[in-house]
């Protein structure tokens, strides 16, 4: 598994992350950013929304590259 992709991401206070319907929306005190979210990945908020974690569908080359890339983009 990707070392970058499997690392949980701390969500700062006041920031809301929403992933669904092929879109990823990050909203915070300075504004909002929206981008596409590939169906090969899954998104989960843990610890009451304080930690975000990405998962992937399988170990194909496409999924592994998307996994690390979208973790870094978040």
PDB file of N, CA and C in Angstrom:
ATOM      1  N   UNK A   1       0.846  -1.175   0.000  1.00  0.00           N
ATOM      2  CA  UNK A   1       0.000   0.000   0.000  1.00  0.00           C
ATOM      3  C   UNK A   1       0.890   1.236   0.000  1.00  0.00           C
ATOM      4  N   UNK A   2       0.425   2.296  -0.612  1.00  0.00           N
ATOM      5  CA  UNK A   2       1.166   3.539  -0.695  1.00  0.00           C
ATOM      6  C   UNK A   2       1.427   4.112   0.693  1.00  0.00           C
ATOM      7  N   UNK A   3       2.664   4.511   0.941  1.00  0.00           N
ATOM      8  CA  UNK A   3       2.983   5.115   2.235  1.00  0.00           C
ATOM      9  C   UNK A   3       2.315   6.480   2.370  1.00  0.00           C
ATOM     10  N   UNK A   4       2.206   7.191   1.267  1.00  0.00           N
ATOM     11  CA  UNK A   4       1.558   8.502   1.299  1.00  0.00           C
ATOM     12  C   UNK A   4       0.052   8.337   1.439  1.00  0.00           C
ATOM     13  N   UNK A   5      -0.533   7.464   0.660  1.00  0.00           N
ATOM     14  CA  UNK A   5      -1.979   7.300   0.647  1.00  0.00           C
ATOM     15  C   UNK A   5      -2.561   6.739   1.928  1.00  0.00           C
ATOM     16  N   UNK A   6      -1.830   5.877   2.613  1.00  0.00           N
ATOM     17  CA  UNK A   6      -2.398   5.245   3.811  1.00  0.00           C
ATOM     18  C   UNK A   6      -2.292   6.110   5.060  1.00  0.00           C
ATOM     19  N   UNK A   7      -1.530   7.185   4.992  1.00  0.00           N
ATOM     20  CA  UNK A   7      -1.363   8.069   6.138  1.00  0.00           C
ATOM     21  C   UNK A   7      -2.632   8.884   6.367  1.00  0.00           C
ATOM     22  N   UNK A   8      -3.193   8.862   7.579  1.00  0.00           N
ATOM     23  CA  UNK A   8      -4.396   9.664   7.840  1.00  0.00           C
ATOM     24  C   UNK A   8      -4.074  11.156   7.765  1.00  0.00           C
ATOM     25  N   UNK A   9      -5.068  11.936   7.424  1.00  0.00           N
ATOM     26  CA  UNK A   9      -4.903  13.376   7.256  1.00  0.00           C
ATOM     27  C   UNK A   9      -5.660  14.103   8.354  1.00  0.00           C
ATOM     28  N   UNK A  10      -4.969  14.945   9.106  1.00  0.00           N
ATOM     29  CA  UNK A  10      -5.617  15.729  10.158  1.00  0.00           C
ATOM     30  C   UNK A  10      -6.407  16.870   9.518  1.00  0.00           C
ATOM     31  N   UNK A  11      -7.661  17.004   9.917  1.00  0.00           N
ATOM     32  CA  UNK A  11      -8.523  18.071   9.410  1.00  0.00           C
ATOM     33  C   UNK A  11      -8.501  19.212  10.429  1.00  0.00           C
ATOM     34  N   UNK A  12      -8.056  20.412  10.007  1.00  0.00           N
ATOM     35  CA  UNK A  12      -7.990  21.535  10.950  1.00  0.00           C
ATOM     36  C   UNK A  12      -9.380  21.943  11.444  1.00  0.00           C
ATOM     37  N   UNK A  13      -9.468  22.547  12.625  1.00  0.00           N
ATOM     38  CA  UNK A  13     -10.767  23.020  13.124  1.00  0.00           C
ATOM     39  C   UNK A  13     -11.362  24.065  12.178  1.00  0.00           C
ATOM     40  N   UNK A  14     -12.653  23.977  11.959  1.00  0.00           N
ATOM     41  CA  UNK A  14     -13.344  24.914  11.081  1.00  0.00           C
ATOM     42  C   UNK A  14     -13.356  24.512   9.619  1.00  0.00           C
ATOM     43  N   UNK A  15     -12.746  23.370   9.288  1.00  0.00           N
ATOM     44  CA  UNK A  15     -12.704  22.895   7.907  1.00  0.00           C
ATOM     45  C   UNK A  15     -13.661  21.719   7.757  1.00  0.00           C
ATOM     46  N   UNK A  16     -14.463  21.751   6.702  1.00  0.00           N
ATOM     47  CA  UNK A  16     -15.426  20.681   6.421  1.00  0.00           C
ATOM     48  C   UNK A  16     -15.061  20.051   5.083  1.00  0.00           C
ATOM     49  N   UNK A  17     -14.980  18.731   5.048  1.00  0.00           N
ATOM     50  CA  UNK A  17     -14.671  17.998   3.820  1.00  0.00           C
ATOM     51  C   UNK A  17     -15.868  17.121   3.484  1.00  0.00           C
ATOM     52  N   UNK A  18     -16.304  17.196   2.226  1.00  0.00           N
ATOM     53  CA  UNK A  18     -17.441  16.402   1.779  1.00  0.00           C
ATOM     54  C   UNK A  18     -17.077  15.742   0.455  1.00  0.00           C
ATOM     55  N   UNK A  19     -17.181  14.422   0.393  1.00  0.00           N
ATOM     56  CA  UNK A  19     -16.895  13.685  -0.833  1.00  0.00           C
ATOM     57  C   UNK A  19     -18.103  12.839  -1.187  1.00  0.00           C
ATOM     58  N   UNK A  20     -18.580  12.982  -2.388  1.00  0.00           N
ATOM     59  CA  UNK A  20     -19.708  12.192  -2.846  1.00  0.00           C
ATOM     60  C   UNK A  20     -20.142  12.615  -4.233  1.00  0.00           C
ATOM     61  N   UNK A  21     -20.790  11.727  -4.942  1.00  0.00           N
ATOM     62  CA  UNK A  21     -21.289  11.986  -6.296  1.00  0.00           C
ATOM     63  C   UNK A  21     -20.184  12.461  -7.230  1.00  0.00           C
ATOM     64  N   UNK A  22     -18.974  11.920  -7.055  1.00  0.00           N
ATOM     65  CA  UNK A  22     -17.873  12.263  -7.938  1.00  0.00           C
ATOM     66  C   UNK A  22     -17.257  13.621  -7.687  1.00  0.00           C
ATOM     67  N   UNK A  23     -17.586  14.271  -6.574  1.00  0.00           N
ATOM     68  CA  UNK A  23     -17.048  15.596  -6.244  1.00  0.00           C
ATOM     69  C   UNK A  23     -16.410  15.571  -4.859  1.00  0.00           C
ATOM     70  N   UNK A  24     -15.385  16.370  -4.698  1.00  0.00           N
ATOM     71  CA  UNK A  24     -14.733  16.560  -3.410  1.00  0.00           C
ATOM     72  C   UNK A  24     -14.778  18.050  -3.112  1.00  0.00           C
ATOM     73  N   UNK A  25     -15.400  18.417  -1.988  1.00  0.00           N
ATOM     74  CA  UNK A  25     -15.552  19.817  -1.612  1.00  0.00           C
ATOM     75  C   UNK A  25     -14.908  20.027  -0.244  1.00  0.00           C
ATOM     76  N   UNK A  26     -13.982  20.987  -0.182  1.00  0.00           N
ATOM     77  CA  UNK A  26     -13.329  21.357   1.073  1.00  0.00           C
ATOM     78  C   UNK A  26     -13.705  22.803   1.353  1.00  0.00           C
ATOM     79  N   UNK A  27     -14.365  23.025   2.506  1.00  0.00           N
ATOM     80  CA  UNK A  27     -14.821  24.357   2.885  1.00  0.00           C
ATOM     81  C   UNK A  27     -14.176  24.748   4.210  1.00  0.00           C
ATOM     82  N   UNK A  28     -13.666  25.962   4.260  1.00  0.00           N
ATOM     83  CA  UNK A  28     -13.020  26.454   5.467  1.00  0.00           C
ATOM     84  C   UNK A  28     -13.290  27.928   5.663  1.00  0.00           C
ATOM     85  N   UNK A  29     -12.638  28.537   6.629  1.00  0.00           N
ATOM     86  CA  UNK A  29     -12.886  29.942   6.930  1.00  0.00           C
ATOM     87  C   UNK A  29     -12.457  30.895   5.814  1.00  0.00           C
ATOM     88  N   UNK A  30     -11.575  30.467   4.925  1.00  0.00           N
ATOM     89  CA  UNK A  30     -11.101  31.337   3.847  1.00  0.00           C
ATOM     90  C   UNK A  30     -11.776  31.070   2.509  1.00  0.00           C
ATOM     91  N   UNK A  31     -12.709  30.125   2.467  1.00  0.00           N
ATOM     92  CA  UNK A  31     -13.409  29.850   1.215  1.00  0.00           C
ATOM     93  C   UNK A  31     -13.634  28.376   0.992  1.00  0.00           C
ATOM     94  N   UNK A  32     -13.881  28.036  -0.270  1.00  0.00           N
ATOM     95  CA  UNK A  32     -14.228  26.674  -0.634  1.00  0.00           C
ATOM     96  C   UNK A  32     -13.495  26.276  -1.914  1.00  0.00           C
ATOM     97  N   UNK A  33     -13.119  24.997  -1.998  1.00  0.00           N
ATOM     98  CA  UNK A  33     -12.470  24.439  -3.179  1.00  0.00           C
ATOM     99  C   UNK A  33     -13.224  23.170  -3.547  1.00  0.00           C
ATOM    100  N   UNK A  34     -13.473  22.997  -4.840  1.00  0.00           N
ATOM    101  CA  UNK A  34     -14.193  21.814  -5.316  1.00  0.00           C
ATOM    102  C   UNK A  34     -13.437  21.211  -6.486  1.00  0.00           C
ATOM    103  N   UNK A  35     -13.343  19.877  -6.503  1.00  0.00           N
ATOM    104  CA  UNK A  35     -12.708  19.159  -7.596  1.00  0.00           C
ATOM    105  C   UNK A  35     -13.411  17.818  -7.779  1.00  0.00           C
ATOM    106  N   UNK A  36     -13.056  17.090  -8.831  1.00  0.00           N
ATOM    107  CA  UNK A  36     -13.669  15.774  -9.044  1.00  0.00           C
ATOM    108  C   UNK A  36     -13.058  14.776  -8.070  1.00  0.00           C
ATOM    109  N   UNK A  37     -13.776  13.686  -7.814  1.00  0.00           N
ATOM    110  CA  UNK A  37     -13.292  12.620  -6.945  1.00  0.00           C
ATOM    111  C   UNK A  37     -13.491  11.306  -7.685  1.00  0.00           C
ATOM    112  N   UNK A  38     -12.403  10.576  -7.979  1.00  0.00           N
ATOM    113  CA  UNK A  38     -12.514   9.371  -8.797  1.00  0.00           C
ATOM    114  C   UNK A  38     -13.255   8.233  -8.079  1.00  0.00           C
ATOM    115  N   UNK A  39     -14.014   7.452  -8.830  1.00  0.00           N
ATOM    116  CA  UNK A  39     -14.765   6.336  -8.221  1.00  0.00           C
ATOM    117  C   UNK A  39     -13.861   5.210  -7.727  1.00  0.00           C
ATOM    118  N   UNK A  40     -12.586   5.206  -8.119  1.00  0.00           N
ATOM    119  CA  UNK A  40     -11.657   4.174  -7.656  1.00  0.00           C
ATOM    120  C   UNK A  40     -11.272   4.354  -6.199  1.00  0.00           C
ATOM    121  N   UNK A  41     -11.542   5.517  -5.622  1.00  0.00           N
ATOM    122  CA  UNK A  41     -11.160   5.813  -4.252  1.00  0.00           C
ATOM    123  C   UNK A  41     -12.372   5.910  -3.340  1.00  0.00           C
ATOM    124  N   UNK A  42     -12.139   5.694  -2.048  1.00  0.00           N
ATOM    125  CA  UNK A  42     -13.185   5.886  -1.041  1.00  0.00           C
ATOM    126  C   UNK A  42     -12.687   6.916  -0.033  1.00  0.00           C
ATOM    127  N   UNK A  43     -13.618   7.605   0.611  1.00  0.00           N
ATOM    128  CA  UNK A  43     -13.280   8.658   1.555  1.00  0.00           C
ATOM    129  C   UNK A  43     -14.041   8.426   2.842  1.00  0.00           C
ATOM    130  N   UNK A  44     -13.355   8.591   3.981  1.00  0.00           N
ATOM    131  CA  UNK A  44     -14.009   8.418   5.281  1.00  0.00           C
ATOM    132  C   UNK A  44     -13.459   9.436   6.276  1.00  0.00           C
ATOM    133  N   UNK A  45     -14.368  10.012   7.058  1.00  0.00           N
ATOM    134  CA  UNK A  45     -13.984  10.885   8.167  1.00  0.00           C
ATOM    135  C   UNK A  45     -14.020  10.062   9.446  1.00  0.00           C
ATOM    136  N   UNK A  46     -12.993  10.187  10.274  1.00  0.00           N
ATOM    137  CA  UNK A  46     -12.901   9.448  11.527  1.00  0.00           C
ATOM    138  C   UNK A  46     -12.714  10.423  12.678  1.00  0.00           C
ATOM    139  N   UNK A  47     -12.876   9.949  13.890  1.00  0.00           N
ATOM    140  CA  UNK A  47     -12.687  10.741  15.115  1.00  0.00           C
ATOM    141  C   UNK A  47     -13.559  11.989  15.126  1.00  0.00           C
ATOM    142  N   UNK A  48     -14.793  11.838  14.722  1.00  0.00           N
ATOM    143  CA  UNK A  48     -15.724  12.974  14.752  1.00  0.00           C
ATOM    144  C   UNK A  48     -15.383  14.056  13.747  1.00  0.00           C
ATOM    145  N   UNK A  49     -14.785  13.692  12.628  1.00  0.00           N
ATOM    146  CA  UNK A  49     -14.448  14.658  11.601  1.00  0.00           C
ATOM    147  C   UNK A  49     -13.081  15.298  11.768  1.00  0.00           C
ATOM    148  N   UNK A  50     -12.265  14.777  12.695  1.00  0.00           N
ATOM    149  CA  UNK A  50     -10.943  15.348  12.927  1.00  0.00           C
ATOM    150  C   UNK A  50      -9.862  14.707  12.065  1.00  0.00           C
ATOM    151  N   UNK A  51     -10.160  13.543  11.492  1.00  0.00           N
ATOM    152  CA  UNK A  51      -9.202  12.810  10.678  1.00  0.00           C
ATOM    153  C   UNK A  51      -9.886  12.315   9.410  1.00  0.00           C
ATOM    154  N   UNK A  52      -9.216  12.483   8.275  1.00  0.00           N
ATOM    155  CA  UNK A  52      -9.727  11.988   6.990  1.00  0.00           C
ATOM    156  C   UNK A  52      -8.826  10.850   6.522  1.00  0.00           C
ATOM    157  N   UNK A  53      -9.425   9.855   5.907  1.00  0.00           N
ATOM    158  CA  UNK A  53      -8.675   8.712   5.404  1.00  0.00           C
ATOM    159  C   UNK A  53      -9.195   8.334   4.019  1.00  0.00           C
ATOM    160  N   UNK A  54      -8.258   8.078   3.112  1.00  0.00           N
ATOM    161  CA  UNK A  54      -8.601   7.634   1.764  1.00  0.00           C
ATOM    162  C   UNK A  54      -8.309   6.148   1.633  1.00  0.00           C
ATOM    163  N   UNK A  55      -9.142   5.467   0.866  1.00  0.00           N
ATOM    164  CA  UNK A  55      -8.929   4.056   0.571  1.00  0.00           C
ATOM    165  C   UNK A  55      -9.008   3.865  -0.932  1.00  0.00           C
ATOM    166  N   UNK A  56      -8.636   2.681  -1.390  1.00  0.00           N
ATOM    167  CA  UNK A  56      -8.719   2.424  -2.824  1.00  0.00           C
ATOM    168  C   UNK A  56      -9.400   1.098  -3.088  1.00  0.00           C
ATOM    169  N   UNK A  57      -9.917   0.976  -4.286  1.00  0.00           N
ATOM    170  CA  UNK A  57     -10.697  -0.187  -4.702  1.00  0.00           C
ATOM    171  C   UNK A  57      -9.837  -1.436  -4.832  1.00  0.00           C
ATOM    172  N   UNK A  58      -8.672  -1.310  -5.463  1.00  0.00           N
ATOM    173  CA  UNK A  58      -7.798  -2.465  -5.670  1.00  0.00           C
ATOM    174  C   UNK A  58      -6.349  -1.990  -5.763  1.00  0.00           C
ATOM    175  N   UNK A  59      -5.455  -2.883  -6.141  1.00  0.00           N
ATOM    176  CA  UNK A  59      -4.031  -2.552  -6.209  1.00  0.00           C
ATOM    177  C   UNK A  59      -3.540  -2.318  -7.629  1.00  0.00           C
ATOM    178  N   UNK A  60      -4.435  -1.938  -8.539  1.00  0.00           N
ATOM    179  CA  UNK A  60      -4.016  -1.660  -9.905  1.00  0.00           C
ATOM    180  C   UNK A  60      -3.153  -0.403  -9.936  1.00  0.00           C
ATOM    181  N   UNK A  61      -2.390  -0.245 -11.000  1.00  0.00           N
ATOM    182  CA  UNK A  61      -1.492   0.905 -11.110  1.00  0.00           C
ATOM    183  C   UNK A  61      -2.267   2.222 -11.065  1.00  0.00           C
ATOM    184  N   UNK A  62      -3.415   2.272 -11.711  1.00  0.00           N
ATOM    185  CA  UNK A  62      -4.233   3.484 -11.727  1.00  0.00           C
ATOM    186  C   UNK A  62      -4.709   3.841 -10.308  1.00  0.00           C
ATOM    187  N   UNK A  63      -5.208   2.856  -9.581  1.00  0.00           N
ATOM    188  CA  UNK A  63      -5.709   3.102  -8.218  1.00  0.00           C
ATOM    189  C   UNK A  63      -4.600   3.539  -7.274  1.00  0.00           C
ATOM    190  N   UNK A  64      -3.440   2.916  -7.372  1.00  0.00           N
ATOM    191  CA  UNK A  64      -2.351   3.278  -6.466  1.00  0.00           C
ATOM    192  C   UNK A  64      -1.848   4.690  -6.742  1.00  0.00           C
ATOM    193  N   UNK A  65      -1.770   5.079  -8.011  1.00  0.00           N
ATOM    194  CA  UNK A  65      -1.309   6.431  -8.312  1.00  0.00           C
ATOM    195  C   UNK A  65      -2.341   7.473  -7.900  1.00  0.00           C
ATOM    196  N   UNK A  66      -3.630   7.186  -8.089  1.00  0.00           N
ATOM    197  CA  UNK A  66      -4.679   8.111  -7.659  1.00  0.00           C
ATOM    198  C   UNK A  66      -4.715   8.244  -6.136  1.00  0.00           C
ATOM    199  N   UNK A  67      -4.450   7.147  -5.438  1.00  0.00           N
ATOM    200  CA  UNK A  67      -4.504   7.122  -3.981  1.00  0.00           C
ATOM    201  C   UNK A  67      -3.522   8.129  -3.386  1.00  0.00           C
ATOM    202  N   UNK A  68      -2.273   8.064  -3.771  1.00  0.00           N
ATOM    203  CA  UNK A  68      -1.263   8.983  -3.252  1.00  0.00           C
ATOM    204  C   UNK A  68      -1.483  10.413  -3.718  1.00  0.00           C
ATOM    205  N   UNK A  69      -1.886  10.578  -4.980  1.00  0.00           N
ATOM    206  CA  UNK A  69      -2.091  11.905  -5.527  1.00  0.00           C
ATOM    207  C   UNK A  69      -3.218  12.642  -4.813  1.00  0.00           C
ATOM    208  N   UNK A  70      -4.346  11.989  -4.616  1.00  0.00           N
ATOM    209  CA  UNK A  70      -5.479  12.666  -3.965  1.00  0.00           C
ATOM    210  C   UNK A  70      -5.234  12.874  -2.475  1.00  0.00           C
ATOM    211  N   UNK A  71      -4.450  12.036  -1.842  1.00  0.00           N
ATOM    212  CA  UNK A  71      -4.093  12.278  -0.439  1.00  0.00           C
ATOM    213  C   UNK A  71      -3.289  13.574  -0.345  1.00  0.00           C
ATOM    214  N   UNK A  72      -2.352  13.754  -1.240  1.00  0.00           N
ATOM    215  CA  UNK A  72      -1.540  14.972  -1.253  1.00  0.00           C
ATOM    216  C   UNK A  72      -2.374  16.193  -1.619  1.00  0.00           C
ATOM    217  N   UNK A  73      -3.318  16.037  -2.522  1.00  0.00           N
ATOM    218  CA  UNK A  73      -4.176  17.166  -2.897  1.00  0.00           C
ATOM    219  C   UNK A  73      -5.038  17.622  -1.724  1.00  0.00           C
ATOM    220  N   UNK A  74      -5.489  16.682  -0.910  1.00  0.00           N
ATOM    221  CA  UNK A  74      -6.277  17.047   0.267  1.00  0.00           C
ATOM    222  C   UNK A  74      -5.422  17.821   1.245  1.00  0.00           C
TER     223      UNK A  74
END
